[in-house]
Amino acid sequence: MNKIVFKNMYFNIVLGSLLILLSLLGYFLGWIEDFLPIVIGILLILLSIKRFLYSFKKITSKNASLILVIELLLDFLFSGLMIVYKNNIELYIGLIIYIRGISYLLINYIATRKIRIVQYIFNLVYVTFGAFLMFYPLNSITVLVLGVSVLLLIIGAIYLQAGVAEQVKKDKKKEKSSKKVKNIKKENNSKQDTKIKELEKEVKEVKKENKLVSEETKQLQKEIDKTKLVVKNIDAEQIDYHSKTLVELKEIAKKRNLQGVSQLNKSQLISKLKE
């Protein structure tokens, strides 16, 4: 199946749909019977090209590649003769099948140097069927028309199924990737939520600590103010104002930021300082 299917998904779908439509219309409208040699010749050429491209990439032996090239040229020759002369269809088909079987046998032997029983029997069937068509022509147009119609239908179904299957795979991959993205987003959102909650808790704790610190600071400031007041009172009680001159007393009042002491005499200033 991989030998005839293309890598492009859309090309497979379009080609498969066209082949199925062509097989049905060609059979019921008589197109295949009217152009039977041309249809068979083109179909054989397309299959030969696709098989050549598929097999040529895998073959490493020069002799096997040469046999494959000779087979392709002979397929072109006999298919072209069928299209040109439009007679002896069974003979040309038999020649192409016979050559295909012989080339299979030679390429398998040259590439592997072994005879595999299943492939060997399959290739012998190819050769035998080709020889049968060559020497015992059926001369049955109806059978050929039906066979070509069925073959086109099968090939079209293969292409269509391959394209649809590829599309289904892509859709599944998209669904998986979208699910992964959603799960990652959920995980990230949950992680962010937990981080935000933790930060909020830390902020609350810091605010509580700052509040306690500010209260302690206020309390300490009050105690400091009380202490300063006590110290000032102590200093005021210890100073002997009467032994000081008026200038010294005014200097002390200035340091204590007392207003309206410039006009006071010594006794008035001493009483003001004691206050």
Protein backbone atom coordinates (compact mmCIF):
# COMPACT_ATOMS: atom_id res chain seq x y z
CA MET A 1 0.00 0.00 0.00
CA ASN A 2 2.86 2.40 0.78
CA LYS A 3 4.22 1.80 -2.73
CA ILE A 4 1.36 3.64 -4.42
CA VAL A 5 0.28 6.09 -1.69
CA PHE A 6 1.74 9.59 -1.76
CA LYS A 7 2.96 11.53 1.25
CA ASN A 8 0.68 14.51 0.63
CA MET A 9 -2.61 13.96 2.46
CA TYR A 10 -4.71 16.30 0.30
CA PHE A 11 -3.33 14.86 -2.93
CA ASN A 12 -4.30 11.36 -1.79
CA ILE A 13 -7.84 12.48 -0.93
CA VAL A 14 -8.36 14.32 -4.24
CA LEU A 15 -6.81 11.55 -6.35
CA GLY A 16 -8.75 8.82 -4.53
CA SER A 17 -12.05 10.67 -4.94
CA LEU A 18 -11.38 11.25 -8.67
CA LEU A 19 -10.46 7.62 -9.26
CA ILE A 20 -13.60 6.34 -7.49
CA LEU A 21 -15.76 8.78 -9.47
CA LEU A 22 -14.01 7.82 -12.70
CA SER A 23 -14.47 4.09 -12.07
CA LEU A 24 -18.20 4.43 -11.42
CA LEU A 25 -18.95 6.87 -14.25
CA GLY A 26 -16.62 5.08 -16.64
CA TYR A 27 -18.26 1.71 -16.05
CA PHE A 28 -21.90 2.80 -16.16
CA LEU A 29 -21.49 5.36 -18.97
CA GLY A 30 -19.24 3.15 -21.10
CA TRP A 31 -16.20 5.44 -21.01
CA ILE A 32 -13.83 2.68 -19.94
CA GLU A 33 -14.98 0.40 -22.76
CA ASP A 34 -14.61 3.18 -25.35
CA PHE A 35 -11.11 4.13 -24.18
CA LEU A 36 -10.05 0.79 -22.68
CA PRO A 37 -6.49 0.59 -24.16
CA ILE A 38 -5.79 4.23 -23.24
CA VAL A 39 -7.14 3.83 -19.69
CA ILE A 40 -5.21 0.59 -19.09
CA GLY A 41 -2.01 2.01 -20.63
CA ILE A 42 -2.11 5.21 -18.54
CA LEU A 43 -2.95 3.24 -15.40
CA LEU A 44 -0.03 0.84 -15.95
CA ILE A 45 2.35 3.74 -16.62
CA LEU A 46 1.32 5.53 -13.40
CA LEU A 47 1.68 2.37 -11.33
CA SER A 48 5.07 1.63 -12.89
CA ILE A 49 6.35 5.16 -12.13
CA LYS A 50 5.16 5.00 -8.53
CA ARG A 51 6.69 1.55 -8.00
CA PHE A 52 9.97 2.69 -9.57
CA LEU A 53 10.21 5.76 -7.32
CA TYR A 54 9.38 3.71 -4.23
CA SER A 55 11.79 0.84 -5.01
CA PHE A 56 14.67 2.95 -6.38
CA LYS A 57 15.14 4.72 -3.01
CA LYS A 58 15.56 1.41 -1.18
CA ILE A 59 17.84 -0.37 -3.66
CA THR A 60 21.58 0.10 -3.08
CA SER A 61 22.91 -2.38 -5.67
CA LYS A 62 23.78 -0.90 -9.08
CA ASN A 63 22.76 -4.07 -10.89
CA ALA A 64 19.38 -4.10 -9.17
CA SER A 65 18.89 -0.41 -10.03
CA LEU A 66 19.73 -1.16 -13.66
CA ILE A 67 17.14 -3.95 -13.77
CA LEU A 68 14.57 -1.58 -12.27
CA VAL A 69 15.32 1.06 -14.94
CA ILE A 70 15.05 -1.53 -17.75
CA GLU A 71 11.72 -2.72 -16.32
CA LEU A 72 10.38 0.86 -16.28
CA LEU A 73 11.44 1.44 -19.89
CA LEU A 74 9.80 -1.79 -21.03
CA ASP A 75 6.62 -0.87 -19.17
CA PHE A 76 6.59 2.46 -21.01
CA LEU A 77 7.20 0.69 -24.33
CA PHE A 78 4.42 -1.89 -24.05
CA SER A 79 1.95 0.59 -22.50
CA GLY A 80 2.68 3.02 -25.33
CA LEU A 81 2.17 0.32 -27.97
CA MET A 82 -1.16 -0.57 -26.33
CA ILE A 83 -2.29 3.08 -26.43
CA VAL A 84 -1.14 3.59 -30.03
CA TYR A 85 -2.40 0.36 -31.67
CA LYS A 86 -5.44 -0.17 -29.37
CA ASN A 87 -5.42 -3.94 -29.82
CA ASN A 88 -3.90 -7.07 -28.23
CA ILE A 89 -4.56 -5.64 -24.78
CA GLU A 90 -4.13 -9.01 -23.02
CA LEU A 91 -0.77 -9.53 -24.75
CA TYR A 92 0.68 -6.21 -23.57
CA ILE A 93 -0.72 -6.64 -20.06
CA GLY A 94 0.76 -10.15 -19.95
CA LEU A 95 4.16 -8.83 -21.10
CA ILE A 96 4.19 -6.11 -18.42
CA ILE A 97 3.17 -8.58 -15.67
CA TYR A 98 5.70 -11.15 -16.89
CA ILE A 99 8.52 -8.58 -16.92
CA ARG A 100 7.45 -7.40 -13.47
CA GLY A 101 7.70 -10.94 -12.07
CA ILE A 102 11.12 -11.56 -13.65
CA SER A 103 12.50 -8.25 -12.35
CA TYR A 104 11.16 -9.08 -8.85
CA LEU A 105 13.00 -12.40 -8.90
CA LEU A 106 16.27 -10.87 -10.12
CA ILE A 107 16.19 -7.85 -7.79
CA ASN A 108 15.36 -9.95 -4.70
CA TYR A 109 18.17 -12.35 -5.46
CA ILE A 110 20.74 -9.63 -6.27
CA ALA A 111 19.79 -7.49 -3.23
CA THR A 112 19.64 -10.30 -0.65
CA ARG A 113 21.49 -13.24 -2.24
CA LYS A 114 18.80 -15.38 -0.70
CA ILE A 115 15.63 -16.99 -1.99
CA ARG A 116 12.70 -16.28 0.29
CA ILE A 117 9.96 -18.83 -0.19
CA VAL A 118 6.97 -16.46 0.07
CA GLN A 119 8.45 -13.86 -2.29
CA TYR A 120 9.66 -16.58 -4.64
CA ILE A 121 6.18 -18.15 -4.92
CA PHE A 122 4.57 -14.73 -5.30
CA ASN A 123 6.94 -13.81 -8.14
CA LEU A 124 6.35 -17.18 -9.82
CA VAL A 125 2.62 -16.48 -9.74
CA TYR A 126 3.34 -13.11 -11.34
CA VAL A 127 5.36 -14.73 -14.12
CA THR A 128 2.82 -17.52 -14.68
CA PHE A 129 -0.13 -15.15 -14.88
CA GLY A 130 1.75 -12.91 -17.28
CA ALA A 131 2.63 -15.85 -19.52
CA PHE A 132 -0.99 -17.03 -19.43
CA LEU A 133 -2.22 -13.65 -20.70
CA MET A 134 0.49 -13.58 -23.36
CA PHE A 135 -0.16 -17.03 -24.87
CA TYR A 136 -3.83 -17.57 -24.01
CA PRO A 137 -5.60 -14.26 -24.67
CA LEU A 138 -9.11 -14.13 -23.27
CA ASN A 139 -10.54 -11.69 -25.83
CA SER A 140 -13.15 -10.65 -23.29
CA ILE A 141 -13.70 -6.90 -23.28
CA THR A 142 -16.40 -7.16 -20.61
CA VAL A 143 -14.03 -8.86 -18.16
CA LEU A 144 -11.34 -6.27 -18.82
CA VAL A 145 -13.75 -3.37 -18.40
CA LEU A 146 -14.99 -4.81 -15.14
CA GLY A 147 -11.45 -5.52 -13.97
CA VAL A 148 -10.27 -1.99 -14.80
CA SER A 149 -13.32 -0.50 -13.07
CA VAL A 150 -12.73 -2.59 -9.95
CA LEU A 151 -9.01 -1.80 -10.03
CA LEU A 152 -9.67 1.93 -10.30
CA LEU A 153 -12.19 1.66 -7.50
CA ILE A 154 -9.76 -0.23 -5.24
CA ILE A 155 -6.87 2.15 -5.95
CA GLY A 156 -9.11 5.16 -5.38
CA ALA A 157 -10.30 3.68 -2.09
CA ILE A 158 -6.67 3.11 -1.05
CA TYR A 159 -5.73 6.72 -1.79
CA LEU A 160 -8.85 8.07 -0.11
CA GLN A 161 -8.40 5.89 2.97
CA ALA A 162 -4.74 6.92 3.26
CA GLY A 163 -5.62 10.62 3.04
CA VAL A 164 -8.49 10.35 5.52
CA ALA A 165 -6.36 8.27 7.92
CA GLU A 166 -3.63 10.92 7.77
CA GLN A 167 -6.20 13.62 8.49
CA VAL A 168 -7.54 11.61 11.44
CA LYS A 169 -3.99 11.25 12.77
CA LYS A 170 -3.42 14.98 12.48
CA ASP A 171 -6.71 15.71 14.25
CA LYS A 172 -5.77 13.33 17.06
CA LYS A 173 -2.36 14.96 17.37
CA LYS A 174 -4.01 18.39 17.51
CA GLU A 175 -6.42 17.18 20.20
CA LYS A 176 -3.56 15.70 22.22
CA SER A 177 -1.48 18.85 21.86
CA SER A 178 -4.46 21.06 22.80
CA LYS A 179 -5.13 18.85 25.85
CA LYS A 180 -1.49 19.09 26.84
CA VAL A 181 -1.58 22.88 26.47
CA LYS A 182 -4.75 23.08 28.57
CA ASN A 183 -3.23 20.86 31.27
CA ILE A 184 -0.07 22.93 31.28
CA LYS A 185 -2.13 26.13 31.57
CA LYS A 186 -4.14 24.64 34.44
CA GLU A 187 -0.97 23.59 36.22
CA ASN A 188 0.59 27.01 35.69
CA ASN A 189 -2.58 28.76 36.88
CA SER A 190 -2.77 26.58 39.98
CA LYS A 191 0.91 27.21 40.69
CA GLN A 192 0.41 30.94 40.21
CA ASP A 193 -2.63 30.91 42.50
CA THR A 194 -0.70 29.14 45.23
CA LYS A 195 2.20 31.56 44.83
CA ILE A 196 -0.16 34.54 44.99
CA LYS A 197 -1.79 33.16 48.14
CA GLU A 198 1.61 32.58 49.72
CA LEU A 199 2.68 36.12 48.82
CA GLU A 200 -0.55 37.54 50.24
CA LYS A 201 0.07 35.65 53.49
CA GLU A 202 3.62 36.98 53.62
CA VAL A 203 2.37 40.54 52.96
CA LYS A 204 -0.18 40.21 55.78
CA GLU A 205 2.49 38.91 58.14
CA VAL A 206 4.83 41.74 57.17
CA LYS A 207 2.04 44.29 57.75
CA LYS A 208 1.36 42.80 61.18
CA GLU A 209 5.04 42.93 62.01
CA ASN A 210 5.27 46.55 60.80
CA LYS A 211 2.23 47.46 62.88
CA LEU A 212 3.79 45.90 65.96
CA VAL A 213 7.09 47.63 65.23
CA SER A 214 5.36 51.01 64.79
CA GLU A 215 3.47 50.56 68.06
CA GLU A 216 6.68 49.58 69.82
CA THR A 217 8.39 52.60 68.24
CA LYS A 218 5.64 54.93 69.49
CA GLN A 219 5.86 53.44 72.93
CA LEU A 220 9.62 53.84 72.95
CA GLN A 221 9.28 57.45 71.74
CA LYS A 222 6.89 58.18 74.60
CA GLU A 223 9.31 56.68 77.07
CA ILE A 224 12.16 58.68 75.51
CA ASP A 225 10.12 61.88 75.76
CA LYS A 226 9.33 61.13 79.39
CA THR A 227 12.98 60.42 80.05
CA LYS A 228 14.00 63.69 78.39
CA LEU A 229 11.45 65.58 80.43
CA VAL A 230 12.70 63.97 83.61
CA VAL A 231 16.29 64.77 82.62
CA LYS A 232 15.36 68.36 81.90
CA ASN A 233 13.63 68.66 85.25
CA ILE A 234 16.59 67.12 86.96
CA ASP A 235 18.94 69.47 85.09
CA ALA A 236 16.69 72.39 85.98
CA GLU A 237 16.71 71.43 89.65
CA GLN A 238 20.48 70.96 89.69
CA ILE A 239 21.30 74.32 88.08
CA ASP A 240 21.98 77.12 90.55
CA TYR A 241 20.28 80.01 88.73
CA HIS A 242 21.15 82.56 91.36
CA SER A 243 24.88 82.07 90.79
CA LYS A 244 24.45 82.75 87.07
CA THR A 245 24.57 86.18 85.47
CA LEU A 246 21.65 87.61 83.52
CA VAL A 247 23.46 86.95 80.23
CA GLU A 248 24.04 83.31 81.16
CA LEU A 249 20.42 82.92 82.21
CA LYS A 250 19.24 84.34 78.88
CA GLU A 251 21.54 81.90 77.07
CA ILE A 252 19.97 79.01 78.96
CA ALA A 253 16.48 80.32 78.11
CA LYS A 254 17.50 80.58 74.46
CA LYS A 255 18.63 76.96 74.43
CA ARG A 256 15.26 75.96 75.91
CA ASN A 257 13.42 77.98 73.23
CA LEU A 258 11.70 80.23 75.73
CA GLN A 259 10.05 83.32 74.20
CA GLY A 260 9.71 86.83 75.61
CA VAL A 261 12.62 86.68 78.07
CA SER A 262 14.67 89.58 76.72
CA GLN A 263 12.77 92.18 78.83
CA LEU A 264 12.77 90.13 82.05
CA ASN A 265 15.03 90.88 84.97
CA LYS A 266 17.08 88.22 86.73
CA SER A 267 14.49 87.18 89.30
CA GLN A 268 11.71 87.02 86.71
CA LEU A 269 13.95 84.99 84.37
CA ILE A 270 14.88 82.54 87.12
CA SER A 271 11.24 81.92 87.92
CA LYS A 272 10.51 81.48 84.19
CA LEU A 273 13.35 78.94 83.85
CA LYS A 274 12.14 76.99 86.89
CA GLU A 275 8.71 76.76 85.35
